[in-house]
């Protein structure tokens, strides 16, 4: 009997007592140890699977949140400062990169973030979350990628409606940008649960807070909305191994923050 969408998500997020799809391999990270700079891997308190990097970043830019469940990422006080969370890229350090999360592997990825408490926390800033080749939020950089993007200006690439949440996927250098058309613009004090799923045809479906959003299949400058909520992406390039990245960047000279609550990833055992 096929697993329903509800049960697939239920299993995906970690209910080991109910069992999981035995044809899939799963990893979950709740940041019970804080990621540090790559140079701090050997530190006994540092996360052994994830690290941070970015412009002007330091290990004190990620802390346990005192009011939310997760790790708080906060930039320093200069324009373009960043905090980016990624798995260690060192060979044999972590299954998060030691295992390949390919476009052909029916990869599923999810995370939850919470925006800052004040309107000022989402003004003049950007955050991004998803699967990429490099850590940059600039969508023209990676030839193949699939990620959620919010940017209050066009530093990451032209967006027709900067206040809205977007999803970007790129196929062999062509960028497809969907303005998700969520009822309200990205807001303060809001939890966003993101999910990306590749199917057996390398096509993507996405969810925000358990609601599926359709994806554009034409490249439109600045992005466009997709009226059909079940529309999948075009087929992604075959055999591209992607890496999960979540980041925040200040677009003005003041500190910006998000809280990263968890990340999950899974793939089929063999393909």
Foldseek 3Di string as FASTA:
>chain_A
DDDDPVRQVVVQVPPPVVPHDPQKDKDKDQCPAPAFAPVCCVPPRHDQFKHKDWPPDGRVQWDQDPPDAFIKGKFAQAAFTKIKMFTDPDPPRHCLNVPFQWLQFFKKKKWKKAFAADPVQQAQKKKKWFWFDDQDLQQQPGQFTWIKMAGQAQPSHAAPDRQAIWIWGHARRAIFIARQPPVDGDDHGDMWMKMWTRDNQSWIWIDTPNFTAATDADRDHNHYHDPDRPHIYDHHDGTDGIIIMIMMTGNHRGMHMMGIRMMMMMGGPDD
